[in-house]
């Protein structure tokens, strides 16, 4: 993903594919380790993107004079 622009939906689709491959159990140990590493990388990128979007949502709320940071108050 470093070579091209990060697209969240593509990263999630690749992550889902990795999870399915690992759950299927038809990959070698070496391939499983590679897939797992890639999955961790994708999960981190997706988490960073979600955090970035949450900050933007908070800024938009402040622009409307309602200072409501993005966080789930129910948890």
C-alpha atoms as a PDB file:
ATOM      1  CA  UNK A   1       0.000   0.000   0.000  1.00  0.00           C
ATOM      2  CA  UNK A   2       2.982   2.309   0.341  1.00  0.00           C
ATOM      3  CA  UNK A   3       3.325   2.441  -3.441  1.00  0.00           C
ATOM      4  CA  UNK A   4      -0.190   3.688  -4.145  1.00  0.00           C
ATOM      5  CA  UNK A   5      -2.726   5.947  -2.508  1.00  0.00           C
ATOM      6  CA  UNK A   6      -4.343   4.325   0.516  1.00  0.00           C
ATOM      7  CA  UNK A   7      -7.998   3.521  -0.102  1.00  0.00           C
ATOM      8  CA  UNK A   8      -9.798   2.382   3.034  1.00  0.00           C
ATOM      9  CA  UNK A   9     -12.347   0.181   1.286  1.00  0.00           C
ATOM     10  CA  UNK A  10      -9.637  -1.646  -0.664  1.00  0.00           C
ATOM     11  CA  UNK A  11      -7.647  -2.209   2.517  1.00  0.00           C
ATOM     12  CA  UNK A  12     -10.700  -3.640   4.293  1.00  0.00           C
ATOM     13  CA  UNK A  13     -11.425  -5.928   1.337  1.00  0.00           C
ATOM     14  CA  UNK A  14      -7.833  -7.186   1.344  1.00  0.00           C
ATOM     15  CA  UNK A  15      -7.972  -7.669   5.107  1.00  0.00           C
ATOM     16  CA  UNK A  16     -11.185  -9.698   4.762  1.00  0.00           C
ATOM     17  CA  UNK A  17      -9.514 -11.828   2.099  1.00  0.00           C
ATOM     18  CA  UNK A  18      -6.549 -12.446   4.389  1.00  0.00           C
ATOM     19  CA  UNK A  19      -8.827 -13.444   7.273  1.00  0.00           C
ATOM     20  CA  UNK A  20     -10.696 -15.852   5.011  1.00  0.00           C
ATOM     21  CA  UNK A  21      -7.439 -17.403   3.773  1.00  0.00           C
ATOM     22  CA  UNK A  22      -6.144 -17.864   7.302  1.00  0.00           C
ATOM     23  CA  UNK A  23      -9.462 -19.288   8.527  1.00  0.00           C
ATOM     24  CA  UNK A  24      -9.562 -21.673   5.577  1.00  0.00           C
ATOM     25  CA  UNK A  25      -6.349 -23.288   6.764  1.00  0.00           C
ATOM     26  CA  UNK A  26      -5.109 -24.132   3.268  1.00  0.00           C
ATOM     27  CA  UNK A  27      -1.974 -21.965   3.385  1.00  0.00           C
ATOM     28  CA  UNK A  28       1.511 -22.964   4.435  1.00  0.00           C
ATOM     29  CA  UNK A  29       3.018 -21.776   7.701  1.00  0.00           C
ATOM     30  CA  UNK A  30       5.329 -19.361   5.878  1.00  0.00           C
ATOM     31  CA  UNK A  31       2.436 -17.933   3.873  1.00  0.00           C
ATOM     32  CA  UNK A  32       0.323 -17.709   7.020  1.00  0.00           C
ATOM     33  CA  UNK A  33       3.009 -15.615   8.695  1.00  0.00           C
ATOM     34  CA  UNK A  34       3.239 -13.330   5.655  1.00  0.00           C
ATOM     35  CA  UNK A  35      -0.544 -12.973   5.504  1.00  0.00           C
ATOM     36  CA  UNK A  36      -0.734 -12.307   9.240  1.00  0.00           C
ATOM     37  CA  UNK A  37       1.933  -9.599   8.980  1.00  0.00           C
ATOM     38  CA  UNK A  38       0.121  -7.974   6.074  1.00  0.00           C
ATOM     39  CA  UNK A  39      -3.138  -8.164   8.014  1.00  0.00           C
ATOM     40  CA  UNK A  40      -1.591  -6.402  11.005  1.00  0.00           C
ATOM     41  CA  UNK A  41      -0.242  -3.698   8.686  1.00  0.00           C
ATOM     42  CA  UNK A  42      -3.643  -3.217   7.039  1.00  0.00           C
ATOM     43  CA  UNK A  43      -5.469  -3.156  10.378  1.00  0.00           C
ATOM     44  CA  UNK A  44      -3.101  -0.451  11.607  1.00  0.00           C
ATOM     45  CA  UNK A  45      -3.583   1.627   8.428  1.00  0.00           C
ATOM     46  CA  UNK A  46      -7.357   1.289   8.700  1.00  0.00           C
ATOM     47  CA  UNK A  47      -7.306   2.264  12.364  1.00  0.00           C
ATOM     48  CA  UNK A  48      -5.195   5.331  11.554  1.00  0.00           C
ATOM     49  CA  UNK A  49      -7.648   6.322   8.811  1.00  0.00           C
ATOM     50  CA  UNK A  50     -10.621   5.950  11.155  1.00  0.00           C
ATOM     51  CA  UNK A  51      -8.869   8.112  13.764  1.00  0.00           C
ATOM     52  CA  UNK A  52      -8.174  10.750  11.106  1.00  0.00           C
ATOM     53  CA  UNK A  53     -11.823  10.773  10.033  1.00  0.00           C
ATOM     54  CA  UNK A  54     -13.002  11.023  13.654  1.00  0.00           C
ATOM     55  CA  UNK A  55     -10.864  14.141  14.099  1.00  0.00           C
ATOM     56  CA  UNK A  56     -12.361  15.657  10.939  1.00  0.00           C
ATOM     57  CA  UNK A  57     -15.861  14.937  12.227  1.00  0.00           C
ATOM     58  CA  UNK A  58     -15.000  16.720  15.476  1.00  0.00           C
ATOM     59  CA  UNK A  59     -13.727  19.734  13.531  1.00  0.00           C
ATOM     60  CA  UNK A  60     -16.881  19.865  11.430  1.00  0.00           C
ATOM     61  CA  UNK A  61     -18.975  19.886  14.600  1.00  0.00           C
ATOM     62  CA  UNK A  62     -16.935  22.772  15.995  1.00  0.00           C
ATOM     63  CA  UNK A  63     -17.466  24.684  12.778  1.00  0.00           C
ATOM     64  CA  UNK A  64     -21.205  24.470  13.394  1.00  0.00           C
ATOM     65  CA  UNK A  65     -20.621  25.947  16.874  1.00  0.00           C
ATOM     66  CA  UNK A  66     -21.346  22.635  18.533  1.00  0.00           C
ATOM     67  CA  UNK A  67     -18.219  21.355  20.172  1.00  0.00           C
ATOM     68  CA  UNK A  68     -18.931  17.640  20.202  1.00  0.00           C
ATOM     69  CA  UNK A  69     -15.795  15.512  19.902  1.00  0.00           C
ATOM     70  CA  UNK A  70     -16.286  12.157  18.238  1.00  0.00           C
ATOM     71  CA  UNK A  71     -16.499   9.527  20.930  1.00  0.00           C
ATOM     72  CA  UNK A  72     -19.062   6.982  21.939  1.00  0.00           C
ATOM     73  CA  UNK A  73     -20.471   8.164  25.257  1.00  0.00           C
ATOM     74  CA  UNK A  74     -22.463   4.932  25.632  1.00  0.00           C
ATOM     75  CA  UNK A  75     -19.433   2.761  26.355  1.00  0.00           C
END
